[in-house]
C-alpha atoms as a PDB file:
ATOM      1  CA  MET A   1      16.256   6.634  -9.387  1.00  0.00           C
ATOM      2  CA  PRO A   2      18.438   8.832  -6.154  1.00  0.00           C
ATOM      3  CA  LEU A   3      16.667  11.545  -4.662  1.00  0.00           C
ATOM      4  CA  PRO A   4      18.306  14.566  -3.669  1.00  0.00           C
ATOM      5  CA  PRO A   5      18.380  14.994   0.239  1.00  0.00           C
ATOM      6  CA  LEU A   6      14.676  15.732   1.271  1.00  0.00           C
ATOM      7  CA  THR A   7      15.526  18.447   3.833  1.00  0.00           C
ATOM      8  CA  LYS A   8      12.360  20.598   3.820  1.00  0.00           C
ATOM      9  CA  ILE A   9      10.888  17.630   5.195  1.00  0.00           C
ATOM     10  CA  GLU A  10      10.276  17.182   8.430  1.00  0.00           C
ATOM     11  CA  ALA A  11       8.982  13.340   9.150  1.00  0.00           C
ATOM     12  CA  LYS A  12      11.375  11.314  10.318  1.00  0.00           C
ATOM     13  CA  THR A  13       9.676   7.764   8.405  1.00  0.00           C
ATOM     14  CA  ALA A  14       7.307   7.095   5.300  1.00  0.00           C
ATOM     15  CA  ALA A  15       4.420   5.826   7.743  1.00  0.00           C
ATOM     16  CA  GLU A  16       3.743   9.832   9.126  1.00  0.00           C
ATOM     17  CA  ILE A  17       3.562  10.650   5.684  1.00  0.00           C
ATOM     18  CA  CYS A  18       0.545   8.253   4.963  1.00  0.00           C
ATOM     19  CA  ALA A  19      -0.444   8.417   7.918  1.00  0.00           C
ATOM     20  CA  ARG A  20      -2.384  11.871   6.784  1.00  0.00           C
ATOM     21  CA  PHE A  21      -3.894  10.706   3.522  1.00  0.00           C
ATOM     22  CA  GLU A  22      -5.078   7.503   1.534  1.00  0.00           C
ATOM     23  CA  LEU A  23      -2.724   6.298  -0.829  1.00  0.00           C
ATOM     24  CA  SER A  24      -4.417   4.161  -3.856  1.00  0.00           C
ATOM     25  CA  GLU A  25      -4.608   0.771  -3.034  1.00  0.00           C
ATOM     26  CA  PRO A  26      -1.118  -1.118  -4.938  1.00  0.00           C
ATOM     27  CA  ALA A  27       0.942   1.664  -3.494  1.00  0.00           C
ATOM     28  CA  ALA A  28      -0.653   0.770  -0.591  1.00  0.00           C
ATOM     29  CA  ALA A  29       0.711  -2.857  -0.737  1.00  0.00           C
ATOM     30  CA  LEU A  30       4.987  -1.182  -0.658  1.00  0.00           C
ATOM     31  CA  PRO A  31       6.435  -1.551   2.825  1.00  0.00           C
ATOM     32  CA  ARG A  32       7.047   1.660   4.475  1.00  0.00           C
ATOM     33  CA  ASP A  33       7.388   0.735   7.989  1.00  0.00           C
ATOM     34  CA  GLY A  34      10.974   2.136   9.088  1.00  0.00           C
ATOM     35  CA  LEU A  35      11.141   3.780   5.785  1.00  0.00           C
ATOM     36  CA  SER A  36      12.295   7.760   5.256  1.00  0.00           C
ATOM     37  CA  PRO A  37      10.308   9.924   3.419  1.00  0.00           C
ATOM     38  CA  ALA A  38      13.141   9.757   0.200  1.00  0.00           C
ATOM     39  CA  ALA A  39      13.211   5.621   0.184  1.00  0.00           C
ATOM     40  CA  PHE A  40       9.116   5.330  -0.106  1.00  0.00           C
ATOM     41  CA  LEU A  41       8.942   8.170  -2.177  1.00  0.00           C
ATOM     42  CA  GLU A  42      11.570   6.150  -4.374  1.00  0.00           C
ATOM     43  CA  ARG A  43       9.215   2.968  -5.002  1.00  0.00           C
ATOM     44  CA  LEU A  44       6.687   5.078  -5.081  1.00  0.00           C
ATOM     45  CA  ILE A  45       8.259   6.509  -8.107  1.00  0.00           C
ATOM     46  CA  GLU A  46      10.213   3.069  -9.608  1.00  0.00           C
ATOM     47  CA  GLY A  47       6.381   1.218  -9.101  1.00  0.00           C
ATOM     48  CA  ARG A  48       4.970   4.305 -11.023  1.00  0.00           C
ATOM     49  CA  HIS A  49       2.669   5.498  -8.974  1.00  0.00           C
ATOM     50  CA  VAL A  50       3.057   8.557 -10.076  1.00  0.00           C
ATOM     51  CA  LEU A  51      -0.046  10.042  -8.438  1.00  0.00           C
ATOM     52  CA  ASP A  52       0.645   8.237  -4.777  1.00  0.00           C
ATOM     53  CA  ALA A  53       3.908  10.434  -5.819  1.00  0.00           C
ATOM     54  CA  LEU A  54       2.240  14.061  -5.865  1.00  0.00           C
ATOM     55  CA  GLY A  55       0.190  13.323  -2.885  1.00  0.00           C
ATOM     56  CA  PHE A  56       2.702  11.973  -0.403  1.00  0.00           C
ATOM     57  CA  LEU A  57       4.704  15.607  -1.077  1.00  0.00           C
ATOM     58  CA  ALA A  58       2.067  17.470  -0.999  1.00  0.00           C
ATOM     59  CA  HIS A  59       1.204  15.724   2.293  1.00  0.00           C
ATOM     60  CA  ALA A  60       5.087  16.110   2.866  1.00  0.00           C
ATOM     61  CA  LEU A  61       6.427  19.832   2.387  1.00  0.00           C
ATOM     62  CA  PRO A  62       5.894  21.958   4.976  1.00  0.00           C
ATOM     63  CA  LYS A  63       2.983  24.130   3.600  1.00  0.00           C
ATOM     64  CA  ARG A  64       4.713  27.434   2.154  1.00  0.00           C
ATOM     65  CA  GLU A  65       7.039  24.553   0.503  1.00  0.00           C
ATOM     66  CA  ALA A  66       3.426  22.841  -1.031  1.00  0.00           C
ATOM     67  CA  VAL A  67       2.330  26.384  -1.912  1.00  0.00           C
ATOM     68  CA  GLY A  68       5.141  27.448  -3.834  1.00  0.00           C
ATOM     69  CA  TRP A  69       4.828  24.121  -5.572  1.00  0.00           C
ATOM     70  CA  ALA A  70       1.185  24.365  -6.087  1.00  0.00           C
ATOM     71  CA  ALA A  71       1.135  27.552  -7.630  1.00  0.00           C
ATOM     72  CA  SER A  72       4.654  27.041 -10.001  1.00  0.00           C
ATOM     73  CA  CYS A  73       2.573  24.046 -11.102  1.00  0.00           C
ATOM     74  CA  ALA A  74      -0.617  26.607 -11.619  1.00  0.00           C
ATOM     75  CA  ARG A  75       1.611  28.672 -13.814  1.00  0.00           C
ATOM     76  CA  LEU A  76       3.259  25.747 -15.531  1.00  0.00           C
ATOM     77  CA  ALA A  77      -0.694  24.803 -16.984  1.00  0.00           C
ATOM     78  CA  GLY A  78      -0.680  26.000 -20.514  1.00  0.00           C
ATOM     79  CA  GLY A  79      -4.135  27.235 -21.519  1.00  0.00           C
ATOM     80  CA  PRO A  80      -5.142  31.153 -20.856  1.00  0.00           C
ATOM     81  CA  LYS A  81      -6.386  32.075 -17.428  1.00  0.00           C
ATOM     82  CA  SER A  82      -7.874  34.825 -16.622  1.00  0.00           C
ATOM     83  CA  PRO A  83      -7.766  37.673 -14.760  1.00  0.00           C
ATOM     84  CA  GLU A  84      -9.272  36.373 -11.618  1.00  0.00           C
ATOM     85  CA  GLN A  85      -7.077  33.308 -11.636  1.00  0.00           C
ATOM     86  CA  GLN A  86      -4.083  35.827 -11.794  1.00  0.00           C
ATOM     87  CA  THR A  87      -4.234  37.737  -9.029  1.00  0.00           C
ATOM     88  CA  ALA A  88      -4.915  34.279  -7.181  1.00  0.00           C
ATOM     89  CA  LEU A  89      -1.648  33.545  -8.319  1.00  0.00           C
ATOM     90  CA  GLU A  90      -0.076  37.015  -7.740  1.00  0.00           C
ATOM     91  CA  ALA A  91      -2.140  36.106  -4.300  1.00  0.00           C
ATOM     92  CA  VAL A  92       0.446  33.615  -3.182  1.00  0.00           C
ATOM     93  CA  GLU A  93       3.016  34.785  -3.944  1.00  0.00           C
ATOM     94  CA  ARG A  94       2.939  37.907  -1.742  1.00  0.00           C
ATOM     95  CA  TRP A  95       1.843  35.192   1.181  1.00  0.00           C
ATOM     96  CA  ARG A  96       5.161  33.548   0.353  1.00  0.00           C
ATOM     97  CA  LEU A  97       6.271  35.927   0.620  1.00  0.00           C
ATOM     98  CA  GLU A  98       5.252  37.502   3.594  1.00  0.00           C
ATOM     99  CA  PRO A  99       3.089  35.491   5.374  1.00  0.00           C
ATOM    100  CA  SER A 100       0.863  37.200   7.289  1.00  0.00           C
ATOM    101  CA  GLU A 101      -3.073  36.881   8.040  1.00  0.00           C
ATOM    102  CA  GLU A 102      -3.309  39.806   6.077  1.00  0.00           C
ATOM    103  CA  LEU A 103      -2.296  37.922   3.389  1.00  0.00           C
ATOM    104  CA  ARG A 104      -3.299  34.781   4.192  1.00  0.00           C
ATOM    105  CA  ARG A 105      -7.235  35.989   4.082  1.00  0.00           C
ATOM    106  CA  ALA A 106      -6.550  37.673   0.636  1.00  0.00           C
ATOM    107  CA  ALA A 107      -5.008  34.806  -0.725  1.00  0.00           C
ATOM    108  CA  MET A 108      -8.550  33.474  -0.197  1.00  0.00           C
ATOM    109  CA  ALA A 109     -10.595  36.601  -1.751  1.00  0.00           C
ATOM    110  CA  ALA A 110      -8.661  35.721  -4.183  1.00  0.00           C
ATOM    111  CA  ALA A 111      -9.876  32.063  -4.279  1.00  0.00           C
ATOM    112  CA  GLU A 112     -13.092  33.213  -4.518  1.00  0.00           C
ATOM    113  CA  LYS A 113     -12.916  34.905  -7.152  1.00  0.00           C
ATOM    114  CA  ALA A 114     -10.670  32.697  -9.423  1.00  0.00           C
ATOM    115  CA  GLN A 115     -13.183  30.095  -8.206  1.00  0.00           C
ATOM    116  CA  LEU A 116     -11.668  26.576  -7.329  1.00  0.00           C
ATOM    117  CA  ASN A 117     -12.154  24.562 -10.685  1.00  0.00           C
ATOM    118  CA  ASN A 118      -8.823  25.538 -11.651  1.00  0.00           C
ATOM    119  CA  PRO A 119      -5.462  25.685 -10.003  1.00  0.00           C
ATOM    120  CA  ALA A 120      -4.836  28.622  -8.915  1.00  0.00           C
ATOM    121  CA  GLY A 121      -7.800  29.575  -7.176  1.00  0.00           C
ATOM    122  CA  CYS A 122      -6.523  25.712  -5.768  1.00  0.00           C
ATOM    123  CA  ALA A 123      -3.636  26.753  -4.627  1.00  0.00           C
ATOM    124  CA  ALA A 124      -5.090  30.534  -3.346  1.00  0.00           C
ATOM    125  CA  LEU A 125      -7.592  28.299  -1.156  1.00  0.00           C
ATOM    126  CA  ALA A 126      -4.318  26.675  -0.066  1.00  0.00           C
ATOM    127  CA  VAL A 127      -2.886  29.251   1.335  1.00  0.00           C
ATOM    128  CA  PHE A 128      -5.491  30.039   3.915  1.00  0.00           C
ATOM    129  CA  PHE A 129      -5.472  26.741   5.245  1.00  0.00           C
ATOM    130  CA  THR A 130      -2.280  27.450   6.232  1.00  0.00           C
ATOM    131  CA  GLY A 131      -2.999  28.396   9.330  1.00  0.00           C
ATOM    132  CA  GLY A 132      -5.224  31.283  11.692  1.00  0.00           C
ATOM    133  CA  SER A 133      -9.024  30.771  11.568  1.00  0.00           C
ATOM    134  CA  LEU A 134     -11.813  29.792   8.318  1.00  0.00           C
ATOM    135  CA  ALA A 135     -14.044  32.222  10.575  1.00  0.00           C
ATOM    136  CA  PRO A 136     -14.462  35.690   9.642  1.00  0.00           C
ATOM    137  CA  PRO A 137     -11.572  38.093  11.497  1.00  0.00           C
ATOM    138  CA  ASP A 138     -13.995  39.256  14.652  1.00  0.00           C
ATOM    139  CA  VAL A 139     -16.043  35.948  15.733  1.00  0.00           C
ATOM    140  CA  PRO A 140     -13.882  32.604  17.544  1.00  0.00           C
ATOM    141  CA  VAL A 141     -11.087  31.261  15.924  1.00  0.00           C
ATOM    142  CA  VAL A 142     -12.083  28.401  14.258  1.00  0.00           C
ATOM    143  CA  PRO A 143      -8.875  26.200  12.960  1.00  0.00           C
ATOM    144  CA  PRO A 144      -8.617  24.984   9.632  1.00  0.00           C
ATOM    145  CA  GLY A 145      -7.901  21.117   9.462  1.00  0.00           C
ATOM    146  CA  GLU A 146      -4.373  20.171   9.397  1.00  0.00           C
ATOM    147  CA  GLY A 147      -4.290  17.814   6.609  1.00  0.00           C
ATOM    148  CA  LEU A 148      -6.109  20.907   4.547  1.00  0.00           C
ATOM    149  CA  THR A 149      -3.158  22.299   3.472  1.00  0.00           C
ATOM    150  CA  ALA A 150      -3.028  19.836   1.498  1.00  0.00           C
ATOM    151  CA  ARG A 151      -5.545  18.691  -0.127  1.00  0.00           C
ATOM    152  CA  ALA A 152      -5.705  21.554  -1.795  1.00  0.00           C
ATOM    153  CA  VAL A 153      -2.241  21.815  -3.019  1.00  0.00           C
ATOM    154  CA  ALA A 154      -2.842  18.426  -4.538  1.00  0.00           C
ATOM    155  CA  GLY A 155      -5.919  19.734  -6.023  1.00  0.00           C
ATOM    156  CA  ALA A 156      -3.650  22.541  -7.245  1.00  0.00           C
ATOM    157  CA  VAL A 157      -1.598  19.989  -8.979  1.00  0.00           C
ATOM    158  CA  LEU A 158      -3.333  17.343 -10.263  1.00  0.00           C
ATOM    159  CA  MET A 159      -6.236  20.016 -12.046  1.00  0.00           C
ATOM    160  CA  ALA A 160      -2.885  21.731 -13.599  1.00  0.00           C
ATOM    161  CA  ALA A 161      -1.916  18.843 -15.385  1.00  0.00           C
ATOM    162  CA  VAL A 162      -4.996  18.248 -17.077  1.00  0.00           C
ATOM    163  CA  VAL A 163      -6.956  21.997 -17.094  1.00  0.00           C
ATOM    164  CA  SER A 164      -5.558  21.813 -20.626  1.00  0.00           C
ATOM    165  CA  GLU A 165      -4.039  18.966 -22.785  1.00  0.00           C
ATOM    166  CA  PRO A 166      -4.991  16.004 -20.810  1.00  0.00           C
ATOM    167  CA  GLU A 167      -3.695  13.906 -23.430  1.00  0.00           C
ATOM    168  CA  LYS A 168      -0.488  15.189 -22.162  1.00  0.00           C
ATOM    169  CA  ALA A 169      -1.213  14.922 -18.500  1.00  0.00           C
ATOM    170  CA  GLU A 170       1.135  12.116 -17.914  1.00  0.00           C
ATOM    171  CA  GLU A 171       4.619  13.747 -18.981  1.00  0.00           C
ATOM    172  CA  LYS A 172       3.155  16.690 -16.260  1.00  0.00           C
ATOM    173  CA  TYR A 173       3.028  15.071 -13.964  1.00  0.00           C
ATOM    174  CA  GLN A 174       6.581  13.935 -13.996  1.00  0.00           C
ATOM    175  CA  ARG A 175       7.440  17.341 -14.528  1.00  0.00           C
ATOM    176  CA  PHE A 176       5.393  18.405 -11.395  1.00  0.00           C
ATOM    177  CA  LEU A 177       6.351  15.744  -9.875  1.00  0.00           C
ATOM    178  CA  GLU A 178      10.590  16.617 -10.102  1.00  0.00           C
ATOM    179  CA  GLN A 179       9.243  20.225  -9.263  1.00  0.00           C
ATOM    180  CA  GLY A 180       8.115  19.467  -6.254  1.00  0.00           C
ATOM    181  CA  ILE A 181      10.987  16.482  -5.337  1.00  0.00           C
ATOM    182  CA  ALA A 182      12.915  19.792  -6.045  1.00  0.00           C
ATOM    183  CA  ALA A 183      11.063  21.856  -3.009  1.00  0.00           C
ATOM    184  CA  ALA A 184      11.862  18.788  -1.107  1.00  0.00           C
ATOM    185  CA  ALA A 185      15.391  19.501  -1.266  1.00  0.00           C
ATOM    186  CA  GLY A 186      15.442  23.303  -0.727  1.00  0.00           C
ATOM    187  CA  GLN A 187      15.547  24.666  -4.128  1.00  0.00           C
ATOM    188  CA  ASP A 188      12.991  26.930  -4.016  1.00  0.00           C
ATOM    189  CA  GLN A 189      10.309  26.942  -7.194  1.00  0.00           C
ATOM    190  CA  GLY A 190      10.501  30.683  -7.729  1.00  0.00           C
ATOM    191  CA  LYS A 191       7.648  32.224  -9.806  1.00  0.00           C
END
């Protein structure tokens, strides 16, 4: 399955992205040295390593695009959303439109209220991990670890597929993978 040009992925090689997270054992056995991110992603898809492909995209996308993808998947997750979860998704969108320290911290407050056992809370947490400090504003800076945004994004995407109608998870994973590829190709998923 030929992919569109993944213009948003800045890494030059798949190995560079794979070094950021752990692939499943079967996917880790796939050759990746010298492969572009798109070529490796194609191999993951052809080998039906969908969960690995989702994780790969979460770690390959720039933070802003990754967070947008997580929010899009959280919105598509079936089942009712609490007012707190709706607020968390709104906080993510405000930050996406205007990334600022104030909105980054507001997303964390929304994540805490929504809790982290749902895709919306995880998407808002991903915003908080995009930069700045994990510490309160009036103490020395404690930067977030480099992979925290991607991990929160992956959590939101994976959870979105199983939070409602888990028996349809495979179908949802496929849809979310297509959305992630669109985000990597620079096709904004919007709201």
